Amino acid sequence: MDKPTVILSIKNGGKGIPYGGANEDRPDGSRNHGFKPLRTNQGEIATIPEAIGITALENALIALNAPTSPFFTVGCEKAFGKNESGHWVGGYLEFAFNYAELVTDAAFYFKLFFLFNQWYWNQKQQAGVKYTFELGGATFLNANVSGFTITAWISAGTYPTKELAQVEWEGALDTLVAFLKEHPAPADGLYTKIY
């Protein structure tokens, strides 16, 4: 298996948040179900189609949208596949800082990536896990602020069974969420909340 990797990239372009869903399937079979403001409605987490049956993804949505978190989630997805090497699972978790002053400055995301990179190499790594963080532009429509989100694309290599591939991918996602949970929300009133 390949060695674990941690990569940061920057995506050109951007999107508006909230964004609507589409009623048709994408060419890869997935579907855009639209943005849901889970931070203000945690009860909807159990209904997010992309996370149903994926415990680590459900837990990530709960943790990152909690009142004690400095983040909110923008989107997520997972995909299962098989090739000549075995079964694989890949997917992403997109999130943003929940503060107008923080989303506008990419330096806060660069610092978060830098800290994750330092922290990650002091943890037990899974062989074959690849984290690709993608910084992308966004306009936060409800807050009338332009800034950034970060998407953590995670793949975990190939395995003999679908179940093992899922366990390994969920473990990689849990690792990222454990790091993000170490960052508490700033004191109330320090910054302007988006949600």
C-alpha atoms as a PDB file:
ATOM      1  CA  MET A   1       0.000   0.000   0.000  1.00  0.00           C
ATOM      2  CA  ASP A   2       1.013   3.569  -0.537  1.00  0.00           C
ATOM      3  CA  LYS A   3       2.292   5.741   2.273  1.00  0.00           C
ATOM      4  CA  PRO A   4      -0.193   8.200   3.815  1.00  0.00           C
ATOM      5  CA  THR A   5      -0.194  11.695   2.313  1.00  0.00           C
ATOM      6  CA  VAL A   6      -1.521  15.116   3.268  1.00  0.00           C
ATOM      7  CA  ILE A   7      -1.903  17.668   0.460  1.00  0.00           C
ATOM      8  CA  LEU A   8      -3.272  21.211   0.189  1.00  0.00           C
ATOM      9  CA  SER A   9      -4.587  22.601  -3.091  1.00  0.00           C
ATOM     10  CA  ILE A  10      -6.496  25.700  -4.158  1.00  0.00           C
ATOM     11  CA  LYS A  11      -9.537  25.485  -6.412  1.00  0.00           C
ATOM     12  CA  ASN A  12     -10.342  28.342  -8.766  1.00  0.00           C
ATOM     13  CA  GLY A  13     -13.882  29.635  -8.786  1.00  0.00           C
ATOM     14  CA  GLY A  14     -16.433  29.494  -6.048  1.00  0.00           C
ATOM     15  CA  LYS A  15     -20.055  28.997  -5.111  1.00  0.00           C
ATOM     16  CA  GLY A  16     -22.836  30.581  -3.156  1.00  0.00           C
ATOM     17  CA  ILE A  17     -23.876  29.212   0.220  1.00  0.00           C
ATOM     18  CA  PRO A  18     -26.662  28.267   0.726  1.00  0.00           C
ATOM     19  CA  TYR A  19     -26.975  26.440  -2.597  1.00  0.00           C
ATOM     20  CA  GLY A  20     -29.929  24.500  -3.921  1.00  0.00           C
ATOM     21  CA  GLY A  21     -30.074  20.843  -4.832  1.00  0.00           C
ATOM     22  CA  ALA A  22     -30.598  19.274  -8.218  1.00  0.00           C
ATOM     23  CA  ASN A  23     -33.343  16.782  -9.011  1.00  0.00           C
ATOM     24  CA  GLU A  24     -31.229  14.727 -11.380  1.00  0.00           C
ATOM     25  CA  ASP A  25     -28.326  12.358 -10.871  1.00  0.00           C
ATOM     26  CA  ARG A  26     -24.799  13.448 -11.782  1.00  0.00           C
ATOM     27  CA  PRO A  27     -22.807  11.437 -14.353  1.00  0.00           C
ATOM     28  CA  ASP A  28     -21.068   9.570 -11.484  1.00  0.00           C
ATOM     29  CA  GLY A  29     -24.425   8.531  -9.989  1.00  0.00           C
ATOM     30  CA  SER A  30     -24.335  10.937  -7.040  1.00  0.00           C
ATOM     31  CA  ARG A  31     -26.903  13.674  -6.478  1.00  0.00           C
ATOM     32  CA  ASN A  32     -26.619  17.204  -5.106  1.00  0.00           C
ATOM     33  CA  HIS A  33     -29.182  17.446  -2.302  1.00  0.00           C
ATOM     34  CA  GLY A  34     -28.410  21.105  -1.576  1.00  0.00           C
ATOM     35  CA  PHE A  35     -27.032  22.934   1.436  1.00  0.00           C
ATOM     36  CA  LYS A  36     -28.667  22.348   4.808  1.00  0.00           C
ATOM     37  CA  PRO A  37     -27.875  24.733   7.703  1.00  0.00           C
ATOM     38  CA  LEU A  38     -27.252  21.932  10.191  1.00  0.00           C
ATOM     39  CA  ARG A  39     -25.734  24.222  12.780  1.00  0.00           C
ATOM     40  CA  THR A  40     -29.145  25.792  13.351  1.00  0.00           C
ATOM     41  CA  ASN A  41     -31.063  22.536  12.885  1.00  0.00           C
ATOM     42  CA  GLN A  42     -29.133  19.549  14.235  1.00  0.00           C
ATOM     43  CA  GLY A  43     -32.261  17.409  13.983  1.00  0.00           C
ATOM     44  CA  GLU A  44     -31.825  17.263  10.202  1.00  0.00           C
ATOM     45  CA  ILE A  45     -28.468  15.447  10.449  1.00  0.00           C
ATOM     46  CA  ALA A  46     -30.206  12.057  10.537  1.00  0.00           C
ATOM     47  CA  THR A  47     -31.919  12.888   7.222  1.00  0.00           C
ATOM     48  CA  ILE A  48     -28.813  13.841   5.212  1.00  0.00           C
ATOM     49  CA  PRO A  49     -28.843  11.261   2.373  1.00  0.00           C
ATOM     50  CA  GLU A  50     -25.064  11.325   1.904  1.00  0.00           C
ATOM     51  CA  ALA A  51     -24.466  10.361   5.543  1.00  0.00           C
ATOM     52  CA  ILE A  52     -27.170   7.754   6.131  1.00  0.00           C
ATOM     53  CA  GLY A  53     -25.559   4.501   7.233  1.00  0.00           C
ATOM     54  CA  ILE A  54     -22.081   6.048   7.494  1.00  0.00           C
ATOM     55  CA  THR A  55     -21.485   6.506  11.227  1.00  0.00           C
ATOM     56  CA  ALA A  56     -18.284   8.546  10.868  1.00  0.00           C
ATOM     57  CA  LEU A  57     -19.962  10.979   8.467  1.00  0.00           C
ATOM     58  CA  GLU A  58     -22.979  11.392  10.762  1.00  0.00           C
ATOM     59  CA  ASN A  59     -20.624  11.966  13.716  1.00  0.00           C
ATOM     60  CA  ALA A  60     -18.625  14.510  11.690  1.00  0.00           C
ATOM     61  CA  LEU A  61     -21.798  16.467  10.899  1.00  0.00           C
ATOM     62  CA  ILE A  62     -22.778  16.438  14.581  1.00  0.00           C
ATOM     63  CA  ALA A  63     -19.321  17.497  15.801  1.00  0.00           C
ATOM     64  CA  LEU A  64     -18.662  20.255  13.273  1.00  0.00           C
ATOM     65  CA  ASN A  65     -22.134  21.796  13.632  1.00  0.00           C
ATOM     66  CA  ALA A  66     -22.151  21.699  17.448  1.00  0.00           C
ATOM     67  CA  PRO A  67     -22.408  24.992  19.350  1.00  0.00           C
ATOM     68  CA  THR A  68     -18.895  24.383  20.734  1.00  0.00           C
ATOM     69  CA  SER A  69     -17.395  24.078  17.238  1.00  0.00           C
ATOM     70  CA  PRO A  70     -15.899  27.032  15.333  1.00  0.00           C
ATOM     71  CA  PHE A  71     -17.073  25.433  12.056  1.00  0.00           C
ATOM     72  CA  PHE A  72     -20.168  24.500  10.106  1.00  0.00           C
ATOM     73  CA  THR A  73     -20.475  21.903   7.371  1.00  0.00           C
ATOM     74  CA  VAL A  74     -21.164  22.858   3.768  1.00  0.00           C
ATOM     75  CA  GLY A  75     -21.454  19.431   2.143  1.00  0.00           C
ATOM     76  CA  CYS A  76     -20.329  15.829   2.198  1.00  0.00           C
ATOM     77  CA  GLU A  77     -20.296  12.715   0.053  1.00  0.00           C
ATOM     78  CA  LYS A  78     -18.941   9.205  -0.075  1.00  0.00           C
ATOM     79  CA  ALA A  79     -18.468   6.707  -2.893  1.00  0.00           C
ATOM     80  CA  PHE A  80     -17.856   2.971  -2.970  1.00  0.00           C
ATOM     81  CA  GLY A  81     -16.045   1.204  -5.766  1.00  0.00           C
ATOM     82  CA  LYS A  82     -14.079  -1.817  -6.841  1.00  0.00           C
ATOM     83  CA  ASN A  83     -11.162  -2.267  -9.210  1.00  0.00           C
ATOM     84  CA  GLU A  84      -8.575  -4.949  -9.936  1.00  0.00           C
ATOM     85  CA  SER A  85      -6.805  -4.111  -6.631  1.00  0.00           C
ATOM     86  CA  GLY A  86      -9.886  -4.478  -4.439  1.00  0.00           C
ATOM     87  CA  HIS A  87     -12.618  -2.394  -2.830  1.00  0.00           C
ATOM     88  CA  TRP A  88     -12.260   1.302  -2.057  1.00  0.00           C
ATOM     89  CA  VAL A  89     -14.215   4.107  -0.400  1.00  0.00           C
ATOM     90  CA  GLY A  90     -13.597   7.779  -1.003  1.00  0.00           C
ATOM     91  CA  GLY A  91     -15.414  10.952  -0.167  1.00  0.00           C
ATOM     92  CA  TYR A  92     -15.234  14.433   1.212  1.00  0.00           C
ATOM     93  CA  LEU A  93     -16.324  16.709   3.997  1.00  0.00           C
ATOM     94  CA  GLU A  94     -16.577  20.409   3.161  1.00  0.00           C
ATOM     95  CA  PHE A  95     -16.672  22.902   6.002  1.00  0.00           C
ATOM     96  CA  ALA A  96     -16.067  26.544   6.822  1.00  0.00           C
ATOM     97  CA  PHE A  97     -15.355  28.682   9.816  1.00  0.00           C
ATOM     98  CA  ASN A  98     -18.639  29.951  11.253  1.00  0.00           C
ATOM     99  CA  TYR A  99     -17.400  33.529  11.570  1.00  0.00           C
ATOM    100  CA  ALA A 100     -17.465  36.263   8.931  1.00  0.00           C
ATOM    101  CA  GLU A 101     -14.065  37.620   9.967  1.00  0.00           C
ATOM    102  CA  LEU A 102     -12.429  34.175   9.685  1.00  0.00           C
ATOM    103  CA  VAL A 103     -13.920  32.955   6.381  1.00  0.00           C
ATOM    104  CA  THR A 104     -12.709  36.062   4.555  1.00  0.00           C
ATOM    105  CA  ASP A 105      -9.032  35.447   5.343  1.00  0.00           C
ATOM    106  CA  ALA A 106      -7.473  32.343   3.741  1.00  0.00           C
ATOM    107  CA  ALA A 107      -4.647  32.529   6.289  1.00  0.00           C
ATOM    108  CA  PHE A 108      -6.947  30.958   8.910  1.00  0.00           C
ATOM    109  CA  TYR A 109      -7.450  27.932   6.635  1.00  0.00           C
ATOM    110  CA  PHE A 110      -3.739  27.715   5.838  1.00  0.00           C
ATOM    111  CA  LYS A 111      -2.992  27.717   9.558  1.00  0.00           C
ATOM    112  CA  LEU A 112      -5.591  24.999  10.154  1.00  0.00           C
ATOM    113  CA  PHE A 113      -4.032  22.869   7.393  1.00  0.00           C
ATOM    114  CA  PHE A 114      -0.539  23.477   8.785  1.00  0.00           C
ATOM    115  CA  LEU A 115      -1.629  22.462  12.289  1.00  0.00           C
ATOM    116  CA  PHE A 116      -3.373  19.333  10.978  1.00  0.00           C
ATOM    117  CA  ASN A 117      -0.259  18.362   9.044  1.00  0.00           C
ATOM    118  CA  GLN A 118       1.892  18.667  12.178  1.00  0.00           C
ATOM    119  CA  TRP A 119      -0.652  16.891  14.377  1.00  0.00           C
ATOM    120  CA  TYR A 120      -1.351  14.070  11.894  1.00  0.00           C
ATOM    121  CA  TRP A 121       2.234  12.854  11.646  1.00  0.00           C
ATOM    122  CA  ASN A 122       2.286  12.416  15.431  1.00  0.00           C
ATOM    123  CA  GLN A 123      -0.710  10.055  15.246  1.00  0.00           C
ATOM    124  CA  LYS A 124      -0.854   6.413  14.208  1.00  0.00           C
ATOM    125  CA  GLN A 125      -1.323   6.496  10.436  1.00  0.00           C
ATOM    126  CA  GLN A 126      -3.237   4.068   8.288  1.00  0.00           C
ATOM    127  CA  ALA A 127      -1.309   2.912   5.220  1.00  0.00           C
ATOM    128  CA  GLY A 128      -2.757   4.250   1.986  1.00  0.00           C
ATOM    129  CA  VAL A 129      -4.780   7.101   3.515  1.00  0.00           C
ATOM    130  CA  LYS A 130      -4.696  10.289   1.480  1.00  0.00           C
ATOM    131  CA  TYR A 131      -6.024  13.646   2.652  1.00  0.00           C
ATOM    132  CA  THR A 132      -6.325  16.336   0.009  1.00  0.00           C
ATOM    133  CA  PHE A 133      -7.503  19.661   1.404  1.00  0.00           C
ATOM    134  CA  GLU A 134      -8.958  21.943  -1.239  1.00  0.00           C
ATOM    135  CA  LEU A 135      -9.420  25.626  -0.453  1.00  0.00           C
ATOM    136  CA  GLY A 136     -12.256  27.105  -2.515  1.00  0.00           C
ATOM    137  CA  GLY A 137     -13.979  30.435  -2.852  1.00  0.00           C
ATOM    138  CA  ALA A 138     -17.470  30.950  -1.470  1.00  0.00           C
ATOM    139  CA  THR A 139     -20.003  33.701  -0.994  1.00  0.00           C
ATOM    140  CA  PHE A 140     -21.899  33.273   2.247  1.00  0.00           C
ATOM    141  CA  LEU A 141     -25.173  34.784   1.081  1.00  0.00           C
ATOM    142  CA  ASN A 142     -26.968  35.055   4.438  1.00  0.00           C
ATOM    143  CA  ALA A 143     -24.004  36.932   5.922  1.00  0.00           C
ATOM    144  CA  ASN A 144     -23.253  38.925   2.729  1.00  0.00           C
ATOM    145  CA  VAL A 145     -19.583  37.906   2.963  1.00  0.00           C
ATOM    146  CA  SER A 146     -17.185  36.461   0.406  1.00  0.00           C
ATOM    147  CA  GLY A 147     -14.489  34.112   1.604  1.00  0.00           C
ATOM    148  CA  PHE A 148     -13.497  30.467   1.591  1.00  0.00           C
ATOM    149  CA  THR A 149     -14.449  26.922   2.512  1.00  0.00           C
ATOM    150  CA  ILE A 150     -12.173  23.921   2.758  1.00  0.00           C
ATOM    151  CA  THR A 151     -12.984  20.486   1.410  1.00  0.00           C
ATOM    152  CA  ALA A 152     -11.189  17.509   2.910  1.00  0.00           C
ATOM    153  CA  TRP A 153     -11.106  14.769   0.265  1.00  0.00           C
ATOM    154  CA  ILE A 154     -10.272  11.445   1.882  1.00  0.00           C
ATOM    155  CA  SER A 155      -9.340   8.140   0.305  1.00  0.00           C
ATOM    156  CA  ALA A 156      -8.121   5.115   2.216  1.00  0.00           C
ATOM    157  CA  GLY A 157      -6.603   2.732  -0.323  1.00  0.00           C
ATOM    158  CA  THR A 158      -8.000  -0.594  -1.510  1.00  0.00           C
ATOM    159  CA  TYR A 159      -9.015  -3.592   0.589  1.00  0.00           C
ATOM    160  CA  PRO A 160     -10.230  -7.165   0.027  1.00  0.00           C
ATOM    161  CA  THR A 161     -13.838  -6.358   1.075  1.00  0.00           C
ATOM    162  CA  LYS A 162     -16.205  -3.407   0.863  1.00  0.00           C
ATOM    163  CA  GLU A 163     -16.748  -3.602   4.627  1.00  0.00           C
ATOM    164  CA  LEU A 164     -13.050  -3.328   5.404  1.00  0.00           C
ATOM    165  CA  ALA A 165     -12.659  -0.439   2.960  1.00  0.00           C
ATOM    166  CA  GLN A 166     -15.522   1.385   4.689  1.00  0.00           C
ATOM    167  CA  VAL A 167     -14.042   0.779   8.160  1.00  0.00           C
ATOM    168  CA  GLU A 168     -10.676   2.180   7.034  1.00  0.00           C
ATOM    169  CA  TRP A 169     -12.246   5.232   5.335  1.00  0.00           C
ATOM    170  CA  GLU A 170     -14.422   5.975   8.353  1.00  0.00           C
ATOM    171  CA  GLY A 171     -11.322   5.686  10.559  1.00  0.00           C
ATOM    172  CA  ALA A 172      -9.547   8.263   8.391  1.00  0.00           C
ATOM    173  CA  LEU A 173     -12.535  10.618   8.649  1.00  0.00           C
ATOM    174  CA  ASP A 174     -12.692  10.081  12.423  1.00  0.00           C
ATOM    175  CA  THR A 175      -9.018  11.076  12.607  1.00  0.00           C
ATOM    176  CA  LEU A 176      -9.718  14.398  10.876  1.00  0.00           C
ATOM    177  CA  VAL A 177     -12.739  15.091  13.085  1.00  0.00           C
ATOM    178  CA  ALA A 178     -10.725  14.311  16.241  1.00  0.00           C
ATOM    179  CA  PHE A 179      -8.294  17.040  15.186  1.00  0.00           C
ATOM    180  CA  LEU A 180     -11.044  19.540  14.371  1.00  0.00           C
ATOM    181  CA  LYS A 181     -12.750  18.920  17.720  1.00  0.00           C
ATOM    182  CA  GLU A 182      -9.582  20.155  19.449  1.00  0.00           C
ATOM    183  CA  HIS A 183     -10.405  23.665  18.182  1.00  0.00           C
ATOM    184  CA  PRO A 184     -13.112  25.277  20.342  1.00  0.00           C
ATOM    185  CA  ALA A 185     -15.366  28.087  19.196  1.00  0.00           C
ATOM    186  CA  PRO A 186     -14.127  31.593  20.047  1.00  0.00           C
ATOM    187  CA  ALA A 187     -15.770  33.442  22.919  1.00  0.00           C
ATOM    188  CA  ASP A 188     -19.226  34.820  22.105  1.00  0.00           C
ATOM    189  CA  GLY A 189     -19.127  38.319  20.712  1.00  0.00           C
ATOM    190  CA  LEU A 190     -15.530  38.109  19.515  1.00  0.00           C
ATOM    191  CA  TYR A 191     -16.536  37.497  15.887  1.00  0.00           C
ATOM    192  CA  THR A 192     -19.713  37.722  13.805  1.00  0.00           C
ATOM    193  CA  LYS A 193     -21.412  34.314  13.472  1.00  0.00           C
ATOM    194  CA  ILE A 194     -22.637  33.159  10.077  1.00  0.00           C
ATOM    195  CA  TYR A 195     -24.990  30.482  11.518  1.00  0.00           C
END
